[in-house]
């Protein structure tokens, strides 16, 4: 997923996702703040960037564990493409129906300028995540 975002930045000038926003959002939970009119207007949280990146990677690891738990370790020795792609597509529900509304962006980024672009970007990023799960497993199996 991160390699995909780097490719989009270098190849097309599309800025990568700023995981500091995730850290800021989570950092407001102790104060009882779960939804924002605009996450960018919320006060910064100390350590928001490392917190956001940590949550990003922990979520990815959890999804990989769910994939292996569902498919079994036999799948890791002979991976197929469909299961990780399904995981990638299912994970799109998190930003569409939890994160984006909590950030003030609306369901499926309905309140942002060029919502279609935002949706397509999210979809492509999560498909890239699924492909990354597959390719990583395939490389480990080949090794």
Protein backbone atom coordinates (compact mmCIF):
# COMPACT_ATOMS: atom_id res chain seq x y z
CA UNK A 1 0.00 0.00 0.00
CA UNK A 2 2.80 2.37 0.89
CA UNK A 3 4.71 1.49 -2.29
CA UNK A 4 1.55 2.19 -4.30
CA UNK A 5 1.23 5.63 -2.68
CA UNK A 6 4.90 6.34 -3.39
CA UNK A 7 4.34 5.35 -7.03
CA UNK A 8 1.30 7.66 -7.24
CA UNK A 9 3.31 10.52 -5.72
CA UNK A 10 6.36 10.11 -7.95
CA UNK A 11 4.47 9.16 -11.10
CA UNK A 12 1.44 11.42 -10.91
CA UNK A 13 2.10 13.98 -8.19
CA UNK A 14 -0.75 12.63 -6.03
CA UNK A 15 0.04 13.31 -2.38
CA UNK A 16 0.07 10.24 -0.14
CA UNK A 17 -2.34 9.79 2.73
CA UNK A 18 -1.29 11.76 5.80
CA UNK A 19 -1.44 9.26 8.65
CA UNK A 20 -0.98 12.10 11.14
CA UNK A 21 -4.71 12.67 10.64
CA UNK A 22 -5.38 9.15 11.92
CA UNK A 23 -3.15 9.88 14.91
CA UNK A 24 -4.94 13.16 15.54
CA UNK A 25 -8.32 11.43 15.39
CA UNK A 26 -7.29 8.64 17.76
CA UNK A 27 -5.51 11.15 19.99
CA UNK A 28 -8.83 12.91 20.59
CA UNK A 29 -10.55 9.72 21.83
CA UNK A 30 -9.48 10.15 25.49
CA UNK A 31 -11.29 13.52 25.50
CA UNK A 32 -14.42 11.79 24.21
CA UNK A 33 -14.10 13.26 20.71
CA UNK A 34 -14.81 10.67 18.01
CA UNK A 35 -16.31 12.78 15.21
CA UNK A 36 -15.03 16.05 13.79
CA UNK A 37 -16.53 18.64 11.47
CA UNK A 38 -13.10 18.77 9.81
CA UNK A 39 -10.18 16.77 11.21
CA UNK A 40 -7.75 19.31 9.76
CA UNK A 41 -9.24 22.00 12.02
CA UNK A 42 -8.85 19.88 15.16
CA UNK A 43 -6.03 20.72 17.55
CA UNK A 44 -2.84 18.81 16.87
CA UNK A 45 -2.07 15.91 19.18
CA UNK A 46 1.44 15.30 20.50
CA UNK A 47 2.91 12.37 18.57
CA UNK A 48 0.04 12.22 16.09
CA UNK A 49 2.21 11.21 13.13
CA UNK A 50 3.91 8.21 14.81
CA UNK A 51 0.57 7.24 16.37
CA UNK A 52 -1.12 7.33 12.96
CA UNK A 53 1.61 5.30 11.28
CA UNK A 54 1.59 2.77 14.13
CA UNK A 55 -2.16 2.30 13.89
CA UNK A 56 -1.88 2.03 10.09
CA UNK A 57 0.66 -0.78 10.33
CA UNK A 58 -1.06 -2.57 13.21
CA UNK A 59 -4.29 -2.59 11.22
CA UNK A 60 -2.47 -4.01 8.20
CA UNK A 61 -0.87 -6.71 10.35
CA UNK A 62 -4.26 -7.54 11.85
CA UNK A 63 -5.77 -7.90 8.37
CA UNK A 64 -2.92 -10.21 7.34
CA UNK A 65 -3.52 -12.29 10.47
CA UNK A 66 -7.23 -12.50 9.67
CA UNK A 67 -6.37 -13.60 6.13
CA UNK A 68 -4.06 -16.35 7.36
CA UNK A 69 -6.50 -17.33 10.10
CA UNK A 70 -9.31 -17.66 7.58
CA UNK A 71 -7.35 -19.34 4.79
CA UNK A 72 -5.03 -21.40 6.99
CA UNK A 73 -1.31 -21.85 6.85
CA UNK A 74 -1.64 -24.13 3.81
CA UNK A 75 -2.64 -21.01 1.85
CA UNK A 76 0.64 -19.34 2.84
CA UNK A 77 2.57 -22.16 1.15
CA UNK A 78 0.54 -21.93 -2.05
CA UNK A 79 -1.21 -18.54 -2.10
CA UNK A 80 -3.99 -17.63 -4.49
CA UNK A 81 -4.98 -14.10 -5.43
CA UNK A 82 -8.68 -14.01 -4.52
CA UNK A 83 -8.50 -14.10 -0.69
CA UNK A 84 -6.12 -11.14 -0.26
CA UNK A 85 -7.98 -9.14 -2.90
CA UNK A 86 -11.21 -9.75 -1.00
CA UNK A 87 -9.51 -8.58 2.22
CA UNK A 88 -8.29 -5.47 0.39
CA UNK A 89 -11.77 -4.73 -0.92
CA UNK A 90 -13.44 -5.37 2.43
CA UNK A 91 -11.02 -3.01 4.18
CA UNK A 92 -12.36 -0.15 2.04
CA UNK A 93 -15.41 -0.20 4.30
CA UNK A 94 -13.33 1.20 7.18
CA UNK A 95 -12.40 4.50 5.53
CA UNK A 96 -15.71 4.82 3.68
CA UNK A 97 -18.01 4.24 6.64
CA UNK A 98 -15.91 4.98 9.74
CA UNK A 99 -12.85 7.16 9.13
CA UNK A 100 -14.10 9.56 6.45
CA UNK A 101 -17.36 10.35 8.28
CA UNK A 102 -15.44 10.81 11.56
CA UNK A 103 -13.07 13.20 9.80
CA UNK A 104 -16.00 15.32 8.56
CA UNK A 105 -15.67 14.08 4.99
CA UNK A 106 -19.05 12.32 4.91
CA UNK A 107 -19.81 8.71 4.03
CA UNK A 108 -17.66 7.61 1.08
CA UNK A 109 -16.07 11.08 1.02
CA UNK A 110 -19.37 12.60 -0.12
CA UNK A 111 -18.54 16.03 1.33
CA UNK A 112 -15.13 16.54 -0.26
CA UNK A 113 -14.45 18.29 -3.55
CA UNK A 114 -14.08 15.68 -6.30
CA UNK A 115 -15.58 12.87 -4.23
CA UNK A 116 -15.31 10.45 -7.16
CA UNK A 117 -11.53 10.92 -7.23
CA UNK A 118 -11.32 10.38 -3.47
CA UNK A 119 -13.38 7.18 -3.74
CA UNK A 120 -11.33 5.84 -6.63
CA UNK A 121 -8.11 6.67 -4.81
CA UNK A 122 -9.31 4.78 -1.73
CA UNK A 123 -10.39 1.83 -3.83
CA UNK A 124 -7.10 1.64 -5.71
CA UNK A 125 -5.11 1.95 -2.49
CA UNK A 126 -7.00 -0.89 -0.84
CA UNK A 127 -6.71 -3.10 -3.93
CA UNK A 128 -2.97 -2.38 -3.78
CA UNK A 129 -3.04 -3.52 -0.15
CA UNK A 130 -4.65 -6.81 -1.21
CA UNK A 131 -2.11 -7.26 -4.00
CA UNK A 132 0.67 -6.51 -1.51
CA UNK A 133 -0.64 -9.22 0.82
CA UNK A 134 -0.65 -11.67 -2.08
CA UNK A 135 2.79 -10.74 -3.45
CA UNK A 136 4.40 -10.79 -0.01
CA UNK A 137 2.93 -14.23 0.73
CA UNK A 138 3.94 -15.49 -2.72
CA UNK A 139 7.52 -14.25 -2.24
CA UNK A 140 7.72 -15.84 1.22
CA UNK A 141 6.36 -19.11 -0.15
CA UNK A 142 8.88 -19.05 -3.01
CA UNK A 143 11.70 -18.34 -0.60
